[in-house]
Every structure is written in structure tokens, then in C-alpha cells.
Amino acid sequence: METDETVDERAMTPLHPNQIWVLRIRGAIVSMLPIVGAWILARSLPPDAPLDPGLIPAFVALLALAALILLPQRRWRAWGYREEEDELHIRHGLLTRIRTVVPFGRVQHIDVAQGPIERSFGLATLILHTAGTRGASVPLPGLLFDDAERMRDRIRIKIRQDLT
């Protein structure tokens, strides 16, 4: 027997697979900080330290590599969205599952954003800015740029129809 959650999960559209590479590259950039920190720590050890100084940054780099292989794929799978007639459903989160429903009637304006990493993979983030303060900006990353623009235009048309 299928539950509402099972049907809901199947109906979600996944992000574009290139988003996995965007997540890996961002993760690699962020992981450089602890690796450099471990290298500095290892260099500051006294020469007679019982531990080989090269082991500390190597261990941190190994942990970072494992995280870069496993986490982006899992984070990508956690994301999904579904565009309905008058609202957008978004789900994400590994440890804490977050499900957001954005009624188009609450949308104030819509952005399509692309950072340099996203741009190199042809991806964009659709950002819906809603009325109110809590969760007033709802991002949907990992869309092909053209798809994000088409979605933005469809939502704008629906908002204009609601106003008339």
C-alpha cells in the first residue's frame, strides 16, 4: 500500500545531475580551509613530536576526499521539486527533512542566479521572494539555466493572472 509520502516522493522532479559536480567543487573549495589548518598545525609541532607531521594533513585530506565522494550525491538525492498550478513544492535536507510549499500568490519577485561554478555547468538557482519574514527567500538550485528562466516566466504569468 502506498502512503501519501511515497506518492509525494515519486512525483518530485530531481535537480539536474550536474548539480552533483557543483556541490563537489564547492565542497573542495571549503575543505581547503581545514586541510591548510591541519598543515599549519603539523608544521608547528616540535621536531621531536612522536607523530609524523605529515599524517595530520593527510588524514584531514582523506576525510575531505571521502566527504566529497559521498555527500554531494546524497545531498543531490535529497532535493526535489514539483510545480503545481498555484504553488511550488520543494523538499531538501539530509538530517532534517524540509518540505516547503510556496503559494504563487505570496511571491513578491523572482530571481534567477548563477555563480561562476553554476555557470560553468549551465545551471542556475531560482529564488522565490515571498511576502513575510520567515523563509522570505526560497531557493531552488540545480536547474538548467533555460529551465529556471522558463519556470520564472510561468510563475510570473500565474501571478499576473491572479492579480486580474
N, C-alpha and C. Protein backbone atom coordinates (compact mmCIF):
# COMPACT_ATOMS: atom_id res chain seq x y z
N MET A 1 0.84 -1.18 0.00
CA MET A 1 0.00 0.00 0.00
C MET A 1 0.89 1.24 0.00
N GLU A 2 0.56 2.20 -0.83
CA GLU A 2 1.36 3.42 -0.92
C GLU A 2 0.81 4.47 0.04
N THR A 3 1.72 5.14 0.72
CA THR A 3 1.32 6.24 1.57
C THR A 3 1.37 7.52 0.77
N ASP A 4 0.78 8.58 1.31
CA ASP A 4 0.83 9.88 0.63
C ASP A 4 2.27 10.33 0.44
N GLU A 5 3.14 10.00 1.40
CA GLU A 5 4.55 10.40 1.31
C GLU A 5 5.24 9.69 0.16
N THR A 6 4.93 8.40 -0.07
CA THR A 6 5.53 7.66 -1.17
C THR A 6 5.12 8.27 -2.51
N VAL A 7 3.84 8.56 -2.66
CA VAL A 7 3.35 9.18 -3.88
C VAL A 7 3.99 10.55 -4.05
N ASP A 8 4.09 11.31 -2.96
CA ASP A 8 4.69 12.65 -3.00
C ASP A 8 6.14 12.58 -3.43
N GLU A 9 6.90 11.61 -2.92
CA GLU A 9 8.32 11.47 -3.27
C GLU A 9 8.48 11.15 -4.75
N ARG A 10 7.63 10.26 -5.27
CA ARG A 10 7.75 9.86 -6.65
C ARG A 10 7.41 11.01 -7.59
N ALA A 11 6.55 11.89 -7.18
CA ALA A 11 6.09 12.98 -8.03
C ALA A 11 7.10 14.13 -8.09
N MET A 12 8.12 14.10 -7.26
CA MET A 12 9.10 15.19 -7.23
C MET A 12 10.07 15.07 -8.41
N THR A 13 10.43 16.20 -8.97
CA THR A 13 11.42 16.26 -10.04
C THR A 13 12.80 16.43 -9.40
N PRO A 14 13.78 15.63 -9.77
CA PRO A 14 15.13 15.80 -9.19
C PRO A 14 15.84 16.99 -9.83
N LEU A 15 16.87 17.46 -9.14
CA LEU A 15 17.72 18.51 -9.71
C LEU A 15 18.52 17.91 -10.86
N HIS A 16 19.08 18.79 -11.67
CA HIS A 16 19.91 18.32 -12.79
C HIS A 16 21.15 17.61 -12.22
N PRO A 17 21.60 16.51 -12.84
CA PRO A 17 22.75 15.76 -12.32
C PRO A 17 24.05 16.58 -12.24
N ASN A 18 24.17 17.63 -13.04
CA ASN A 18 25.36 18.49 -12.95
C ASN A 18 25.49 19.15 -11.58
N GLN A 19 24.38 19.23 -10.84
CA GLN A 19 24.43 19.83 -9.51
C GLN A 19 25.36 19.06 -8.58
N ILE A 20 25.52 17.76 -8.82
CA ILE A 20 26.45 16.97 -8.01
C ILE A 20 27.86 17.53 -8.14
N TRP A 21 28.27 17.87 -9.36
CA TRP A 21 29.61 18.43 -9.58
C TRP A 21 29.74 19.82 -8.96
N VAL A 22 28.67 20.61 -9.03
CA VAL A 22 28.69 21.93 -8.38
C VAL A 22 28.92 21.74 -6.88
N LEU A 23 28.21 20.80 -6.27
CA LEU A 23 28.37 20.53 -4.84
C LEU A 23 29.78 20.03 -4.52
N ARG A 24 30.33 19.18 -5.38
CA ARG A 24 31.69 18.66 -5.15
C ARG A 24 32.73 19.77 -5.24
N ILE A 25 32.60 20.63 -6.21
CA ILE A 25 33.58 21.72 -6.36
C ILE A 25 33.47 22.68 -5.19
N ARG A 26 32.25 23.04 -4.80
CA ARG A 26 32.09 23.91 -3.63
C ARG A 26 32.66 23.25 -2.38
N GLY A 27 32.41 21.96 -2.23
CA GLY A 27 32.94 21.22 -1.08
C GLY A 27 34.46 21.18 -1.09
N ALA A 28 35.06 21.02 -2.27
CA ALA A 28 36.51 21.01 -2.37
C ALA A 28 37.10 22.36 -1.96
N ILE A 29 36.44 23.43 -2.38
CA ILE A 29 36.92 24.77 -2.01
C ILE A 29 36.83 24.96 -0.49
N VAL A 30 35.71 24.58 0.08
CA VAL A 30 35.51 24.74 1.53
C VAL A 30 36.47 23.83 2.31
N SER A 31 36.74 22.63 1.80
CA SER A 31 37.60 21.69 2.53
C SER A 31 39.06 22.12 2.55
N MET A 32 39.43 23.07 1.70
CA MET A 32 40.81 23.54 1.70
C MET A 32 41.17 24.21 3.04
N LEU A 33 40.21 24.88 3.67
CA LEU A 33 40.49 25.57 4.93
C LEU A 33 40.95 24.59 6.02
N PRO A 34 40.22 23.49 6.31
CA PRO A 34 40.74 22.58 7.34
C PRO A 34 42.03 21.87 6.92
N ILE A 35 42.21 21.62 5.62
CA ILE A 35 43.44 20.98 5.18
C ILE A 35 44.63 21.90 5.41
N VAL A 36 44.48 23.17 5.06
CA VAL A 36 45.56 24.15 5.29
C VAL A 36 45.78 24.32 6.79
N GLY A 37 44.68 24.36 7.56
CA GLY A 37 44.82 24.46 9.02
C GLY A 37 45.57 23.28 9.60
N ALA A 38 45.28 22.08 9.11
CA ALA A 38 45.99 20.88 9.58
C ALA A 38 47.46 20.93 9.18
N TRP A 39 47.74 21.44 7.99
CA TRP A 39 49.12 21.57 7.53
C TRP A 39 49.90 22.56 8.42
N ILE A 40 49.25 23.69 8.76
CA ILE A 40 49.89 24.69 9.64
C ILE A 40 50.12 24.09 11.02
N LEU A 41 49.14 23.35 11.53
CA LEU A 41 49.28 22.69 12.83
C LEU A 41 50.44 21.70 12.80
N ALA A 42 50.52 20.93 11.73
CA ALA A 42 51.59 19.93 11.61
C ALA A 42 52.96 20.60 11.55
N ARG A 43 53.04 21.73 10.89
CA ARG A 43 54.33 22.45 10.78
C ARG A 43 54.74 23.08 12.11
N SER A 44 53.76 23.33 12.98
CA SER A 44 54.08 23.96 14.26
C SER A 44 54.45 22.94 15.35
N LEU A 45 54.33 21.65 15.04
CA LEU A 45 54.72 20.63 16.01
C LEU A 45 56.23 20.67 16.23
N PRO A 46 56.68 20.37 17.44
CA PRO A 46 58.12 20.33 17.68
C PRO A 46 58.76 19.20 16.87
N PRO A 47 60.02 19.36 16.52
CA PRO A 47 60.69 18.34 15.69
C PRO A 47 60.74 16.96 16.34
N ASP A 48 60.69 16.90 17.66
CA ASP A 48 60.76 15.60 18.32
C ASP A 48 59.38 15.03 18.66
N ALA A 49 58.34 15.53 17.99
CA ALA A 49 56.97 15.04 18.24
C ALA A 49 56.89 13.56 17.85
N PRO A 50 56.14 12.76 18.64
CA PRO A 50 56.07 11.33 18.36
C PRO A 50 55.25 11.00 17.09
N LEU A 51 54.54 11.98 16.61
CA LEU A 51 53.68 11.78 15.45
C LEU A 51 54.31 12.39 14.21
N ASP A 52 54.30 11.68 13.12
CA ASP A 52 54.80 12.23 11.85
C ASP A 52 53.92 13.41 11.45
N PRO A 53 54.47 14.61 11.29
CA PRO A 53 53.66 15.79 10.99
C PRO A 53 52.86 15.67 9.69
N GLY A 54 53.30 14.87 8.77
CA GLY A 54 52.57 14.71 7.52
C GLY A 54 51.28 13.92 7.65
N LEU A 55 51.13 13.19 8.77
CA LEU A 55 49.93 12.37 8.95
C LEU A 55 48.68 13.23 9.22
N ILE A 56 48.86 14.35 9.89
CA ILE A 56 47.70 15.17 10.25
C ILE A 56 47.02 15.73 8.99
N PRO A 57 47.73 16.46 8.12
CA PRO A 57 47.05 16.96 6.92
C PRO A 57 46.60 15.82 5.99
N ALA A 58 47.34 14.72 5.96
CA ALA A 58 46.94 13.59 5.12
C ALA A 58 45.62 13.00 5.61
N PHE A 59 45.47 12.88 6.92
CA PHE A 59 44.23 12.36 7.49
C PHE A 59 43.06 13.29 7.19
N VAL A 60 43.27 14.60 7.38
CA VAL A 60 42.21 15.58 7.10
C VAL A 60 41.86 15.56 5.61
N ALA A 61 42.85 15.46 4.74
CA ALA A 61 42.60 15.40 3.30
C ALA A 61 41.83 14.13 2.94
N LEU A 62 42.15 13.03 3.59
CA LEU A 62 41.44 11.77 3.33
C LEU A 62 39.97 11.88 3.75
N LEU A 63 39.73 12.49 4.91
CA LEU A 63 38.34 12.71 5.35
C LEU A 63 37.60 13.62 4.37
N ALA A 64 38.27 14.67 3.91
CA ALA A 64 37.65 15.59 2.95
C ALA A 64 37.33 14.87 1.65
N LEU A 65 38.23 14.03 1.18
CA LEU A 65 38.00 13.28 -0.05
C LEU A 65 36.81 12.34 0.10
N ALA A 66 36.73 11.65 1.23
CA ALA A 66 35.59 10.75 1.47
C ALA A 66 34.29 11.55 1.47
N ALA A 67 34.30 12.71 2.11
CA ALA A 67 33.11 13.56 2.14
C ALA A 67 32.74 14.04 0.74
N LEU A 68 33.75 14.37 -0.07
CA LEU A 68 33.48 14.86 -1.42
C LEU A 68 32.95 13.77 -2.34
N ILE A 69 33.24 12.53 -2.03
CA ILE A 69 32.74 11.42 -2.84
C ILE A 69 31.31 11.07 -2.42
N LEU A 70 31.05 11.03 -1.11
CA LEU A 70 29.76 10.55 -0.62
C LEU A 70 28.68 11.61 -0.46
N LEU A 71 29.01 12.75 0.13
CA LEU A 71 27.98 13.73 0.50
C LEU A 71 27.28 14.41 -0.67
N PRO A 72 27.98 14.86 -1.71
CA PRO A 72 27.25 15.55 -2.79
C PRO A 72 26.15 14.70 -3.42
N GLN A 73 26.42 13.43 -3.63
CA GLN A 73 25.40 12.54 -4.21
C GLN A 73 24.19 12.44 -3.29
N ARG A 74 24.44 12.30 -1.99
CA ARG A 74 23.33 12.20 -1.03
C ARG A 74 22.56 13.51 -0.93
N ARG A 75 23.28 14.64 -0.93
CA ARG A 75 22.60 15.93 -0.89
C ARG A 75 21.75 16.15 -2.14
N TRP A 76 22.28 15.74 -3.29
CA TRP A 76 21.55 15.89 -4.55
C TRP A 76 20.25 15.08 -4.52
N ARG A 77 20.35 13.84 -4.03
CA ARG A 77 19.16 12.98 -3.96
C ARG A 77 18.11 13.51 -2.99
N ALA A 78 18.53 14.27 -2.00
CA ALA A 78 17.58 14.80 -1.02
C ALA A 78 16.72 15.93 -1.59
N TRP A 79 17.19 16.56 -2.66
CA TRP A 79 16.45 17.68 -3.26
C TRP A 79 15.42 17.17 -4.25
N GLY A 80 14.29 17.84 -4.31
CA GLY A 80 13.28 17.57 -5.31
C GLY A 80 12.29 18.72 -5.33
N TYR A 81 11.58 18.86 -6.44
CA TYR A 81 10.58 19.92 -6.53
C TYR A 81 9.43 19.47 -7.42
N ARG A 82 8.30 20.12 -7.25
CA ARG A 82 7.13 19.86 -8.08
C ARG A 82 6.40 21.19 -8.27
N GLU A 83 6.21 21.56 -9.51
CA GLU A 83 5.47 22.78 -9.82
C GLU A 83 4.02 22.40 -10.07
N GLU A 84 3.13 22.98 -9.29
CA GLU A 84 1.70 22.75 -9.48
C GLU A 84 1.06 24.00 -10.04
N GLU A 85 -0.25 23.96 -10.17
CA GLU A 85 -0.98 25.08 -10.79
C GLU A 85 -0.77 26.40 -10.06
N ASP A 86 -0.81 26.35 -8.73
CA ASP A 86 -0.73 27.62 -7.99
C ASP A 86 0.29 27.60 -6.86
N GLU A 87 1.21 26.61 -6.86
CA GLU A 87 2.24 26.57 -5.83
C GLU A 87 3.41 25.70 -6.27
N LEU A 88 4.54 25.93 -5.60
CA LEU A 88 5.75 25.16 -5.86
C LEU A 88 6.10 24.39 -4.59
N HIS A 89 6.28 23.08 -4.73
CA HIS A 89 6.67 22.23 -3.60
C HIS A 89 8.16 21.94 -3.74
N ILE A 90 8.90 22.13 -2.64
CA ILE A 90 10.34 21.86 -2.63
C ILE A 90 10.64 21.02 -1.40
N ARG A 91 11.50 20.01 -1.58
CA ARG A 91 11.96 19.24 -0.42
C ARG A 91 13.48 19.15 -0.49
N HIS A 92 14.11 19.19 0.67
CA HIS A 92 15.56 19.04 0.76
C HIS A 92 15.95 18.72 2.18
N GLY A 93 17.22 18.41 2.37
CA GLY A 93 17.74 18.15 3.70
C GLY A 93 18.09 16.69 3.92
N LEU A 94 19.29 16.47 4.47
CA LEU A 94 19.73 15.11 4.77
C LEU A 94 19.29 14.69 6.17
N LEU A 95 19.74 15.41 7.18
CA LEU A 95 19.39 15.05 8.55
C LEU A 95 18.00 15.57 8.90
N THR A 96 17.76 16.81 8.59
CA THR A 96 16.45 17.41 8.83
C THR A 96 15.77 17.58 7.48
N ARG A 97 14.71 16.85 7.25
CA ARG A 97 13.96 16.95 6.00
C ARG A 97 13.10 18.20 6.04
N ILE A 98 13.22 19.02 5.03
CA ILE A 98 12.45 20.26 4.95
C ILE A 98 11.58 20.19 3.71
N ARG A 99 10.31 20.42 3.91
CA ARG A 99 9.36 20.49 2.80
C ARG A 99 8.75 21.88 2.82
N THR A 100 8.91 22.58 1.70
CA THR A 100 8.42 23.95 1.60
C THR A 100 7.37 24.01 0.50
N VAL A 101 6.28 24.68 0.79
CA VAL A 101 5.25 24.94 -0.21
C VAL A 101 5.19 26.45 -0.38
N VAL A 102 5.42 26.91 -1.60
CA VAL A 102 5.40 28.34 -1.90
C VAL A 102 4.16 28.63 -2.74
N PRO A 103 3.14 29.24 -2.14
CA PRO A 103 1.97 29.64 -2.94
C PRO A 103 2.36 30.81 -3.85
N PHE A 104 2.02 30.71 -5.13
CA PHE A 104 2.43 31.76 -6.05
C PHE A 104 1.81 33.11 -5.70
N GLY A 105 0.68 33.09 -5.02
CA GLY A 105 0.06 34.34 -4.60
C GLY A 105 0.88 35.11 -3.57
N ARG A 106 1.83 34.46 -2.92
CA ARG A 106 2.68 35.12 -1.91
C ARG A 106 4.01 35.60 -2.50
N VAL A 107 4.28 35.27 -3.76
CA VAL A 107 5.57 35.61 -4.37
C VAL A 107 5.59 37.10 -4.72
N GLN A 108 6.62 37.78 -4.22
CA GLN A 108 6.82 39.21 -4.49
C GLN A 108 7.63 39.42 -5.77
N HIS A 109 8.74 38.72 -5.86
CA HIS A 109 9.54 38.75 -7.08
C HIS A 109 10.39 37.48 -7.17
N ILE A 110 10.96 37.26 -8.36
CA ILE A 110 11.67 36.02 -8.64
C ILE A 110 13.02 36.36 -9.25
N ASP A 111 14.07 35.71 -8.76
CA ASP A 111 15.42 35.88 -9.31
C ASP A 111 15.89 34.56 -9.91
N VAL A 112 16.72 34.67 -10.93
CA VAL A 112 17.46 33.53 -11.45
C VAL A 112 18.93 33.89 -11.26
N ALA A 113 19.62 33.15 -10.39
CA ALA A 113 21.00 33.47 -10.03
C ALA A 113 21.95 32.40 -10.54
N GLN A 114 23.14 32.83 -10.92
CA GLN A 114 24.18 31.91 -11.39
C GLN A 114 25.52 32.38 -10.86
N GLY A 115 26.17 31.56 -10.06
CA GLY A 115 27.54 31.83 -9.67
C GLY A 115 28.47 31.28 -10.73
N PRO A 116 29.77 31.53 -10.60
CA PRO A 116 30.71 31.07 -11.63
C PRO A 116 30.76 29.54 -11.77
N ILE A 117 30.60 28.82 -10.68
CA ILE A 117 30.62 27.36 -10.76
C ILE A 117 29.35 26.87 -11.45
N GLU A 118 28.21 27.40 -11.05
CA GLU A 118 26.95 27.02 -11.70
C GLU A 118 26.99 27.36 -13.18
N ARG A 119 27.49 28.53 -13.49
CA ARG A 119 27.54 28.98 -14.89
C ARG A 119 28.36 28.01 -15.74
N SER A 120 29.47 27.51 -15.21
CA SER A 120 30.31 26.61 -15.98
C SER A 120 29.62 25.26 -16.26
N PHE A 121 28.58 24.93 -15.48
CA PHE A 121 27.83 23.69 -15.71
C PHE A 121 26.46 23.95 -16.32
N GLY A 122 26.18 25.21 -16.67
CA GLY A 122 24.90 25.55 -17.31
C GLY A 122 23.72 25.54 -16.36
N LEU A 123 23.99 25.67 -15.06
CA LEU A 123 22.94 25.61 -14.05
C LEU A 123 22.63 27.00 -13.49
N ALA A 124 21.51 27.07 -12.78
CA ALA A 124 21.10 28.31 -12.13
C ALA A 124 20.28 27.96 -10.90
N THR A 125 20.07 28.96 -10.05
CA THR A 125 19.22 28.83 -8.88
C THR A 125 18.03 29.76 -9.05
N LEU A 126 16.83 29.21 -8.95
CA LEU A 126 15.62 30.01 -8.97
C LEU A 126 15.34 30.43 -7.54
N ILE A 127 15.16 31.72 -7.30
CA ILE A 127 14.91 32.21 -5.94
C ILE A 127 13.56 32.91 -5.94
N LEU A 128 12.64 32.37 -5.15
CA LEU A 128 11.32 32.99 -5.00
C LEU A 128 11.34 33.82 -3.72
N HIS A 129 11.06 35.10 -3.86
CA HIS A 129 10.98 36.00 -2.70
C HIS A 129 9.50 36.19 -2.38
N THR A 130 9.14 35.82 -1.14
CA THR A 130 7.74 35.84 -0.74
C THR A 130 7.47 36.94 0.27
N ALA A 131 6.20 37.24 0.45
CA ALA A 131 5.79 38.20 1.47
C ALA A 131 6.05 37.57 2.84
N GLY A 132 6.40 38.40 3.79
CA GLY A 132 6.67 37.90 5.14
C GLY A 132 8.15 37.87 5.40
N THR A 133 8.51 37.49 6.63
CA THR A 133 9.92 37.50 7.00
C THR A 133 10.51 36.10 7.11
N ARG A 134 9.78 35.14 7.67
CA ARG A 134 10.32 33.79 7.85
C ARG A 134 10.32 33.06 6.51
N GLY A 135 11.49 32.64 6.09
CA GLY A 135 11.59 31.92 4.83
C GLY A 135 11.20 32.78 3.64
N ALA A 136 11.49 34.07 3.71
CA ALA A 136 11.06 35.00 2.67
C ALA A 136 11.76 34.77 1.34
N SER A 137 12.90 34.11 1.35
CA SER A 137 13.59 33.75 0.12
C SER A 137 13.70 32.23 0.05
N VAL A 138 13.14 31.66 -0.99
CA VAL A 138 13.14 30.21 -1.13
C VAL A 138 13.95 29.86 -2.38
N PRO A 139 15.15 29.30 -2.19
CA PRO A 139 15.98 28.95 -3.35
C PRO A 139 15.68 27.54 -3.86
N LEU A 140 15.79 27.38 -5.17
CA LEU A 140 15.71 26.07 -5.81
C LEU A 140 16.92 25.97 -6.73
N PRO A 141 18.02 25.35 -6.24
CA PRO A 141 19.24 25.26 -7.03
C PRO A 141 19.19 24.10 -8.02
N GLY A 142 20.22 24.01 -8.85
CA GLY A 142 20.40 22.84 -9.69
C GLY A 142 19.48 22.72 -10.87
N LEU A 143 18.95 23.84 -11.36
CA LEU A 143 18.13 23.83 -12.56
C LEU A 143 18.97 24.25 -13.75
N LEU A 144 18.71 23.68 -14.91
CA LEU A 144 19.34 24.21 -16.11
C LEU A 144 18.92 25.67 -16.25
N PHE A 145 19.83 26.51 -16.73
CA PHE A 145 19.55 27.95 -16.79
C PHE A 145 18.26 28.24 -17.57
N ASP A 146 18.10 27.62 -18.73
CA ASP A 146 16.90 27.86 -19.54
C ASP A 146 15.64 27.38 -18.82
N ASP A 147 15.73 26.26 -18.12
CA ASP A 147 14.58 25.76 -17.36
C ASP A 147 14.21 26.71 -16.23
N ALA A 148 15.22 27.26 -15.56
CA ALA A 148 14.96 28.22 -14.47
C ALA A 148 14.27 29.46 -15.02
N GLU A 149 14.72 29.94 -16.17
CA GLU A 149 14.08 31.12 -16.77
C GLU A 149 12.65 30.81 -17.20
N ARG A 150 12.42 29.63 -17.78
CA ARG A 150 11.06 29.27 -18.18
C ARG A 150 10.15 29.13 -16.96
N MET A 151 10.67 28.53 -15.89
CA MET A 151 9.87 28.40 -14.67
C MET A 151 9.55 29.78 -14.10
N ARG A 152 10.55 30.66 -14.10
CA ARG A 152 10.32 32.04 -13.62
C ARG A 152 9.21 32.69 -14.44
N ASP A 153 9.27 32.55 -15.76
CA ASP A 153 8.27 33.18 -16.62
C ASP A 153 6.88 32.59 -16.41
N ARG A 154 6.79 31.26 -16.23
CA ARG A 154 5.49 30.62 -15.97
C ARG A 154 4.90 31.12 -14.65
N ILE A 155 5.74 31.23 -13.63
CA ILE A 155 5.24 31.69 -12.33
C ILE A 155 4.80 33.14 -12.43
N ARG A 156 5.57 33.96 -13.15
CA ARG A 156 5.18 35.38 -13.33
C ARG A 156 3.83 35.49 -14.02
N ILE A 157 3.59 34.66 -15.04
CA ILE A 157 2.30 34.68 -15.73
C ILE A 157 1.18 34.29 -14.77
N LYS A 158 1.42 33.27 -13.94
CA LYS A 158 0.40 32.84 -12.99
C LYS A 158 0.12 33.92 -11.95
N ILE A 159 1.16 34.63 -11.53
CA ILE A 159 0.97 35.72 -10.57
C ILE A 159 0.14 36.83 -11.20
N ARG A 160 0.44 37.17 -12.44
CA ARG A 160 -0.32 38.25 -13.13
C ARG A 160 -1.78 37.84 -13.31
N GLN A 161 -2.03 36.57 -13.61
CA GLN A 161 -3.40 36.10 -13.78
C GLN A 161 -4.16 36.20 -12.46
N ASP A 162 -3.48 35.92 -11.37
CA ASP A 162 -4.13 36.02 -10.05
C ASP A 162 -4.47 37.47 -9.70
N LEU A 163 -3.69 38.42 -10.20
CA LEU A 163 -3.92 39.83 -9.90
C LEU A 163 -5.13 40.38 -10.67
N THR A 164 -5.43 39.77 -11.80
CA THR A 164 -6.54 40.29 -12.61
C THR A 164 -7.86 39.63 -12.27
